[in-house]
Protein backbone atom coordinates (compact mmCIF):
# COMPACT_ATOMS: atom_id res chain seq x y z
CA MET A 1 -23.43 -16.58 12.30
CA SER A 2 -22.93 -13.13 13.72
CA TYR A 3 -20.35 -10.56 12.64
CA LEU A 4 -18.42 -11.18 15.87
CA ASP A 5 -18.35 -14.95 15.21
CA ILE A 6 -16.98 -14.33 11.74
CA LYS A 7 -14.42 -11.83 13.04
CA ARG A 8 -13.22 -14.27 15.73
CA ARG A 9 -12.81 -17.04 13.16
CA LEU A 10 -10.96 -14.77 10.73
CA ASP A 11 -8.73 -13.47 13.53
CA ALA A 12 -7.91 -17.12 14.32
CA GLY A 13 -6.73 -17.58 10.74
CA GLU A 14 -9.72 -19.56 9.47
CA ILE A 15 -10.92 -19.19 5.91
CA ILE A 16 -14.62 -18.45 5.57
CA VAL A 17 -16.57 -18.50 2.33
CA LEU A 18 -19.67 -16.32 2.38
CA ASP A 19 -22.51 -16.53 -0.13
CA GLY A 20 -24.19 -13.20 -0.64
CA ALA A 21 -26.90 -14.39 -3.05
CA THR A 22 -25.59 -12.12 -5.78
CA GLY A 23 -27.86 -13.64 -8.44
CA THR A 24 -30.96 -12.89 -6.41
CA GLU A 25 -29.73 -9.35 -5.80
CA LEU A 26 -28.96 -8.84 -9.50
CA GLN A 27 -32.51 -9.90 -10.30
CA ARG A 28 -33.94 -7.61 -7.60
CA ARG A 29 -32.04 -4.72 -9.18
CA GLY A 30 -33.47 -5.41 -12.63
CA ALA A 31 -30.98 -7.71 -14.37
CA GLN A 32 -32.66 -10.24 -16.67
CA MET A 33 -32.22 -13.86 -15.59
CA ASP A 34 -31.86 -16.75 -18.03
CA PRO A 35 -34.16 -19.68 -17.14
CA SER A 36 -31.51 -22.19 -18.25
CA ALA A 37 -28.47 -20.47 -16.73
CA TRP A 38 -29.96 -18.34 -13.91
CA CYS A 39 -27.52 -15.49 -13.20
CA GLY A 40 -24.55 -16.54 -15.35
CA PRO A 41 -25.40 -14.34 -18.34
CA ALA A 42 -26.70 -11.57 -16.04
CA SER A 43 -23.32 -11.51 -14.26
CA LEU A 44 -21.43 -11.30 -17.55
CA ASN A 45 -23.71 -8.70 -19.10
CA ASN A 46 -24.03 -6.42 -16.07
CA SER A 47 -20.49 -6.14 -14.72
CA GLU A 48 -20.97 -2.67 -13.23
CA LEU A 49 -24.15 -3.75 -11.45
CA LEU A 50 -22.45 -6.92 -10.21
CA THR A 51 -19.53 -4.90 -8.85
CA GLN A 52 -21.98 -2.58 -7.08
CA VAL A 53 -23.79 -5.57 -5.53
CA HIS A 54 -20.46 -6.81 -4.13
CA LEU A 55 -19.55 -3.34 -2.86
CA ASP A 56 -22.92 -3.01 -1.16
CA TYR A 57 -22.51 -6.41 0.52
CA MET A 58 -19.05 -5.38 1.70
CA CYS A 59 -20.37 -2.14 3.17
CA TRP A 60 -23.33 -3.91 4.78
CA CYS A 61 -21.25 -6.54 6.57
CA ARG A 62 -18.43 -4.14 7.48
CA CYS A 63 -15.99 -6.51 5.83
CA ASP A 64 -12.63 -5.31 7.12
CA HIS A 65 -10.88 -8.52 6.10
CA CYS A 66 -11.59 -8.28 2.37
CA LYS A 67 -8.59 -6.14 1.49
CA TYR A 68 -7.92 -7.70 -1.90
CA PHE A 69 -11.50 -7.26 -3.04
CA ARG A 70 -11.52 -3.74 -1.68
CA VAL A 71 -8.48 -2.88 -3.81
CA PHE A 72 -10.16 -4.34 -6.90
CA ALA A 73 -13.44 -2.62 -6.09
CA PHE A 74 -11.74 0.71 -5.48
CA ASP A 75 -9.90 0.46 -8.80
CA ALA A 76 -13.16 -0.43 -10.55
CA HIS A 77 -14.94 2.60 -9.06
CA ALA A 78 -12.71 5.65 -8.96
CA GLY A 79 -15.15 7.39 -6.62
CA GLY A 80 -14.37 4.98 -3.82
CA PHE A 81 -16.78 2.95 -1.75
CA CYS A 82 -18.55 2.80 1.62
């Protein structure tokens, strides 16, 4: 699904859930995975890294419709984002 497809659907009022593979990205960035719980503990133990993964996904997809997350992310990182 392209960015324009997503934008059209959001503009039409649809709700879209996107999966950004955050566990895989946490692992790629060095977080230790738990063989029995995959990224659960890594997410809890690396909150700053997890927030950065989400911010990077938001910047990458030019997510203009994620205002609530952007407010949370901005508060979490005083330096701003994107």
